[in-house]
Amino acid sequence: MTPDAAFDPVEITERFFTIIKSLNEFDKAEIRGVVQTLISPTQREICFTGNYYRGVSNVETVLTLKNIKDFQAIAMLARALLEFAIDIKLINSVSDSVTKMLAFTDVEKLRSAKRIVAFKKANPSAKVDVTIYEDFIALNGARIDAERAAIWPGIKNTDLRHWANLNLAERVERLKGPLEELYAVNYPQLSLYVHSGMTGFVNLGRESFRALAAVAFTVIQQSYMILMTAVIDEFKISSANEKIKDKMLLAKMLPFTNGPAEQMALTRALLG
């Protein structure tokens, strides 16, 4: 059999998709239950679980997208999942990260409310009810502006675009590791199919989109594993389940086994 005949793009893409499904099953069996038992979570725990749950939602949405025509949605979800993975890793790399992450949610709400009110003021005939936004500004605006000035001194509201006050490239540079490669190599690829314009679509055949879906699935599974690893480490799940990271690796590798014998051999090799 020639190398070309041995490579089946449909099969390889399906296996990459199956990795995500396998990791999600591992997540539900080994991690989800631990996270769901948290009672009165601390602010730090909220930051970890918030990013984790957003990632899980994206993963489970991807698992419903099974047609090649869904590629653009898959690419969008892959990009977002990579950004969630970057954010959860930054929690341990940025000073006062928890305070900043939570305060930034209010900063963004206030910025959006002010923008909507300003639009209505400039366009009084627009059928937009701004009452709720005006109330939010009146009740919370001064407090949020004061908190922003205290947490990010000297930084204008218009210049603050992320809680870490770093652009995406700077965030990745701080973290290094596998995220650096995903950002440098795969993030631009995905962006071609997410942003407006025709750059990524001109002169591409059907099978090209299948191959690009495989790239997106690879980004998703790596980002998902980063998110889960961060949760495992933060909540010290390994102390009660010492093989949990080996189980996650097993979930990643099982879709590339051929038959029960290989699956059993791999399970024994990883879990003993």
Protein backbone atom coordinates (compact mmCIF):
# COMPACT_ATOMS: atom_id res chain seq x y z
CA MET A 1 0.00 0.00 0.00
CA THR A 2 1.36 3.41 -0.95
CA PRO A 3 1.55 6.24 1.63
CA ASP A 4 -1.22 8.11 -0.19
CA ALA A 5 -3.46 5.06 -0.09
CA ALA A 6 -2.72 4.56 3.61
CA PHE A 7 -3.79 8.09 4.52
CA ASP A 8 -7.55 8.51 4.72
CA PRO A 9 -8.47 12.17 5.45
CA VAL A 10 -12.00 11.18 6.42
CA GLU A 11 -10.77 8.61 8.92
CA ILE A 12 -8.06 10.83 10.42
CA THR A 13 -10.50 13.72 10.88
CA GLU A 14 -13.00 11.38 12.50
CA ARG A 15 -10.35 10.11 14.89
CA PHE A 16 -9.41 13.66 15.89
CA PHE A 17 -13.09 14.33 16.53
CA THR A 18 -13.29 11.14 18.58
CA ILE A 19 -10.40 12.33 20.77
CA ILE A 20 -12.54 15.30 21.82
CA LYS A 21 -15.46 12.99 22.56
CA SER A 22 -13.19 10.66 24.56
CA LEU A 23 -11.72 13.57 26.56
CA ASN A 24 -15.22 14.85 27.30
CA GLU A 25 -16.23 11.42 28.63
CA PHE A 26 -13.10 11.41 30.82
CA ASP A 27 -13.98 14.91 32.03
CA LYS A 28 -17.50 13.90 33.01
CA ALA A 29 -16.24 10.80 34.81
CA GLU A 30 -13.22 12.25 36.62
CA ILE A 31 -13.46 16.05 36.91
CA ARG A 32 -16.99 17.37 36.48
CA GLY A 33 -18.31 15.78 39.64
CA VAL A 34 -15.54 17.30 41.76
CA VAL A 35 -16.17 20.78 40.39
CA GLN A 36 -19.92 20.45 40.86
CA THR A 37 -19.52 19.62 44.58
CA LEU A 38 -18.02 23.03 45.37
CA ILE A 39 -20.18 24.85 47.90
CA SER A 40 -19.79 28.62 48.34
CA PRO A 41 -16.75 28.77 46.03
CA THR A 42 -14.09 31.37 46.71
CA GLN A 43 -13.39 34.11 44.18
CA ARG A 44 -10.32 32.22 43.02
CA GLU A 45 -12.36 29.05 42.55
CA ILE A 46 -14.93 31.04 40.55
CA CYS A 47 -12.19 32.18 38.19
CA PHE A 48 -11.05 28.61 37.57
CA THR A 49 -14.49 27.06 37.30
CA GLY A 50 -15.82 29.91 35.14
CA ASN A 51 -13.13 29.35 32.51
CA TYR A 52 -13.53 25.59 32.82
CA TYR A 53 -17.31 25.65 32.32
CA ARG A 54 -17.02 28.01 29.34
CA GLY A 55 -14.54 25.59 27.81
CA VAL A 56 -16.77 22.60 28.49
CA SER A 57 -19.71 24.38 26.84
CA ASN A 58 -17.62 24.98 23.71
CA VAL A 59 -16.43 21.37 23.62
CA GLU A 60 -19.94 19.99 23.97
CA THR A 61 -21.15 22.33 21.22
CA VAL A 62 -18.37 21.07 18.94
CA LEU A 63 -19.55 17.51 19.55
CA THR A 64 -22.89 18.41 17.94
CA LEU A 65 -21.22 19.70 14.75
CA LYS A 66 -20.74 16.69 12.51
CA ASN A 67 -20.90 18.08 8.99
CA ILE A 68 -18.13 19.65 6.93
CA LYS A 69 -20.35 22.70 6.42
CA ASP A 70 -19.98 23.38 10.15
CA PHE A 71 -16.27 24.16 9.73
CA GLN A 72 -16.55 27.91 10.38
CA ALA A 73 -18.38 27.31 13.67
CA ILE A 74 -15.78 24.70 14.65
CA ALA A 75 -12.96 27.18 13.91
CA MET A 76 -14.65 29.88 16.03
CA LEU A 77 -15.07 27.48 18.94
CA ALA A 78 -11.46 26.30 18.65
CA ARG A 79 -10.16 29.87 18.80
CA ALA A 80 -12.31 30.67 21.82
CA LEU A 81 -11.24 27.50 23.63
CA LEU A 82 -7.58 28.39 23.11
CA GLU A 83 -8.24 31.82 24.62
CA PHE A 84 -9.94 30.21 27.65
CA ALA A 85 -6.91 27.95 28.11
CA ILE A 86 -4.64 30.99 28.01
CA ASP A 87 -6.78 32.82 30.57
CA ILE A 88 -6.90 29.94 33.05
CA LYS A 89 -3.11 29.57 32.87
CA LEU A 90 -2.66 33.30 33.42
CA ILE A 91 -4.33 33.11 36.83
CA ASN A 92 -1.07 31.86 38.30
CA SER A 93 1.10 34.16 36.19
CA VAL A 94 -0.37 37.63 36.79
CA SER A 95 -0.31 39.46 40.11
CA ASP A 96 -3.74 40.00 41.73
CA SER A 97 -5.21 37.96 38.89
CA VAL A 98 -8.42 37.01 40.70
CA THR A 99 -9.24 40.61 41.65
CA LYS A 100 -8.47 41.76 38.12
CA MET A 101 -10.42 39.00 36.36
CA LEU A 102 -13.58 39.60 38.39
CA ALA A 103 -13.36 43.39 38.33
CA PHE A 104 -12.88 43.38 34.57
CA THR A 105 -16.29 41.78 34.09
CA ASP A 106 -17.86 44.90 35.61
CA VAL A 107 -15.57 47.18 33.58
CA GLU A 108 -16.79 45.52 30.39
CA LYS A 109 -20.45 45.70 31.44
CA LEU A 110 -20.11 49.40 32.17
CA ARG A 111 -18.30 50.04 28.90
CA SER A 112 -21.06 48.26 26.96
CA ALA A 113 -23.82 50.11 28.84
CA LYS A 114 -22.21 53.49 28.15
CA ARG A 115 -21.80 52.65 24.47
CA ILE A 116 -25.48 51.73 24.13
CA VAL A 117 -26.62 54.89 25.91
CA ALA A 118 -24.30 57.00 23.76
CA PHE A 119 -25.74 55.42 20.62
CA LYS A 120 -29.28 56.21 21.71
CA LYS A 121 -28.30 59.79 22.51
CA ALA A 122 -26.78 60.21 19.06
CA ASN A 123 -29.73 58.45 17.41
CA PRO A 124 -32.86 59.41 19.40
CA SER A 125 -35.19 57.84 16.84
CA ALA A 126 -33.57 54.40 17.26
CA LYS A 127 -35.96 51.86 18.77
CA VAL A 128 -33.63 50.99 21.64
CA ASP A 129 -34.82 51.09 25.24
CA VAL A 130 -31.81 52.22 27.27
CA THR A 131 -33.54 52.41 30.65
CA ILE A 132 -31.84 49.32 32.08
CA TYR A 133 -28.43 50.55 30.90
CA GLU A 134 -28.94 54.03 32.33
CA ASP A 135 -29.97 52.48 35.64
CA PHE A 136 -26.89 50.27 35.66
CA ILE A 137 -24.63 53.27 35.01
CA ALA A 138 -26.33 55.35 37.69
CA LEU A 139 -26.15 52.59 40.30
CA ASN A 140 -22.71 51.17 39.52
CA GLY A 141 -20.77 53.54 37.29
CA ALA A 142 -18.91 55.53 39.96
CA ARG A 143 -17.99 52.39 41.92
CA ILE A 144 -16.72 50.52 38.87
CA ASP A 145 -14.71 53.50 37.60
CA ALA A 146 -13.13 53.90 41.05
CA GLU A 147 -12.24 50.20 41.22
CA ARG A 148 -10.76 50.29 37.74
CA ALA A 149 -8.61 53.30 38.62
CA ALA A 150 -7.39 51.58 41.79
CA ILE A 151 -6.66 48.20 40.20
CA TRP A 152 -5.17 49.50 36.94
CA PRO A 153 -3.75 52.92 37.92
CA GLY A 154 -2.82 55.22 35.08
CA ILE A 155 -4.57 53.10 32.43
CA LYS A 156 -7.42 54.72 30.52
CA ASN A 157 -10.70 52.87 30.30
CA THR A 158 -10.42 52.85 26.50
CA ASP A 159 -6.97 51.22 26.70
CA LEU A 160 -7.96 48.37 29.03
CA ARG A 161 -9.00 45.50 26.77
CA HIS A 162 -8.16 42.51 28.95
CA TRP A 163 -7.99 41.95 32.69
CA ALA A 164 -4.24 41.21 32.54
CA ASN A 165 -3.65 44.43 30.55
CA LEU A 166 -1.76 42.36 27.98
CA ASN A 167 -2.63 41.70 24.36
CA LEU A 168 -2.98 38.08 23.29
CA ALA A 169 0.57 37.80 21.98
CA GLU A 170 1.92 39.17 25.28
CA ARG A 171 -0.19 36.72 27.27
CA VAL A 172 1.16 33.78 25.32
CA GLU A 173 4.72 35.09 25.56
CA ARG A 174 4.36 35.09 29.33
CA LEU A 175 3.12 31.51 29.42
CA LYS A 176 5.38 29.85 26.81
CA GLY A 177 5.03 26.07 26.47
CA PRO A 178 2.50 24.40 24.14
CA LEU A 179 0.29 27.48 24.09
CA GLU A 180 3.06 29.38 22.31
CA GLU A 181 3.05 26.92 19.41
CA LEU A 182 -0.74 26.81 19.22
CA TYR A 183 -0.87 30.59 19.08
CA ALA A 184 1.95 30.99 16.55
CA VAL A 185 0.97 28.17 14.20
CA ASN A 186 -2.72 27.35 14.55
CA TYR A 187 -4.39 30.53 15.79
CA PRO A 188 -3.59 32.43 12.54
CA GLN A 189 -4.85 29.47 10.51
CA LEU A 190 -8.18 29.49 12.33
CA SER A 191 -8.43 33.27 12.08
CA LEU A 192 -8.50 33.04 8.28
CA TYR A 193 -11.82 31.22 8.51
CA VAL A 194 -13.34 33.29 11.31
CA HIS A 195 -12.68 36.87 10.23
CA SER A 196 -14.56 38.60 7.43
CA GLY A 197 -13.24 38.39 3.89
CA MET A 198 -12.43 35.56 1.50
CA THR A 199 -8.76 34.97 2.36
CA GLY A 200 -9.21 31.49 3.73
CA PHE A 201 -11.78 30.26 1.23
CA VAL A 202 -10.58 31.17 -2.24
CA ASN A 203 -9.66 28.16 -4.42
CA LEU A 204 -10.06 25.57 -1.67
CA GLY A 205 -11.60 22.19 -2.41
CA ARG A 206 -13.93 20.24 -0.17
CA GLU A 207 -11.20 18.01 1.25
CA SER A 208 -9.19 21.07 2.29
CA PHE A 209 -11.95 22.01 4.69
CA ARG A 210 -11.90 18.50 6.10
CA ALA A 211 -8.16 18.81 6.75
CA LEU A 212 -8.68 22.22 8.35
CA ALA A 213 -11.37 20.74 10.57
CA ALA A 214 -8.77 18.24 11.75
CA VAL A 215 -6.47 21.17 12.64
CA ALA A 216 -9.28 22.80 14.61
CA PHE A 217 -10.00 19.53 16.42
CA THR A 218 -6.31 19.32 17.38
CA VAL A 219 -6.42 22.84 18.84
CA ILE A 220 -9.60 21.97 20.72
CA GLN A 221 -8.25 18.80 22.29
CA GLN A 222 -4.98 20.43 23.35
CA SER A 223 -6.74 23.48 24.79
CA TYR A 224 -9.27 21.26 26.55
CA MET A 225 -6.48 19.25 28.17
CA ILE A 226 -4.80 22.46 29.36
CA LEU A 227 -8.07 23.60 30.94
CA MET A 228 -8.64 20.25 32.64
CA THR A 229 -5.04 20.04 33.85
CA ALA A 230 -5.35 23.49 35.41
CA VAL A 231 -8.49 22.38 37.26
CA ILE A 232 -6.89 19.10 38.36
CA ASP A 233 -3.91 21.00 39.78
CA GLU A 234 -5.91 23.81 41.39
CA PHE A 235 -8.33 21.50 43.18
CA LYS A 236 -5.65 18.89 43.92
CA ILE A 237 -7.72 16.12 42.37
CA SER A 238 -4.56 14.04 41.93
CA SER A 239 -4.27 13.65 45.71
CA ALA A 240 -7.41 11.51 45.70
CA ASN A 241 -7.00 10.14 42.17
CA GLU A 242 -3.28 9.75 41.56
CA LYS A 243 -3.70 8.27 38.08
CA ILE A 244 -6.01 11.00 36.82
CA LYS A 245 -3.52 12.58 34.41
CA ASP A 246 -2.63 9.14 33.05
CA LYS A 247 -6.36 8.54 32.54
CA MET A 248 -6.59 11.80 30.60
CA LEU A 249 -3.67 10.73 28.39
CA LEU A 250 -5.38 7.38 27.89
CA ALA A 251 -8.57 9.15 26.81
CA LYS A 252 -6.52 11.11 24.26
CA MET A 253 -4.75 8.04 22.88
CA LEU A 254 -7.55 5.46 22.80
CA PRO A 255 -9.12 6.74 19.54
CA PHE A 256 -5.90 5.83 17.72
CA THR A 257 -5.91 2.20 18.83
CA ASN A 258 -7.19 -0.54 16.56
CA GLY A 259 -9.35 -3.00 18.40
CA PRO A 260 -9.78 -4.26 21.97
CA ALA A 261 -6.33 -5.87 22.21
CA GLU A 262 -4.53 -2.56 21.54
CA GLN A 263 -6.87 -0.74 23.89
CA MET A 264 -6.15 -3.20 26.70
CA ALA A 265 -2.40 -3.02 26.10
CA LEU A 266 -2.43 0.78 26.18
CA THR A 267 -4.58 0.81 29.32
CA ARG A 268 -2.15 -1.56 31.08
CA ALA A 269 0.83 0.52 29.96
CA LEU A 270 -0.62 3.77 31.33
CA LEU A 271 -2.60 2.62 34.35
CA GLY A 272 -0.85 -0.58 35.32
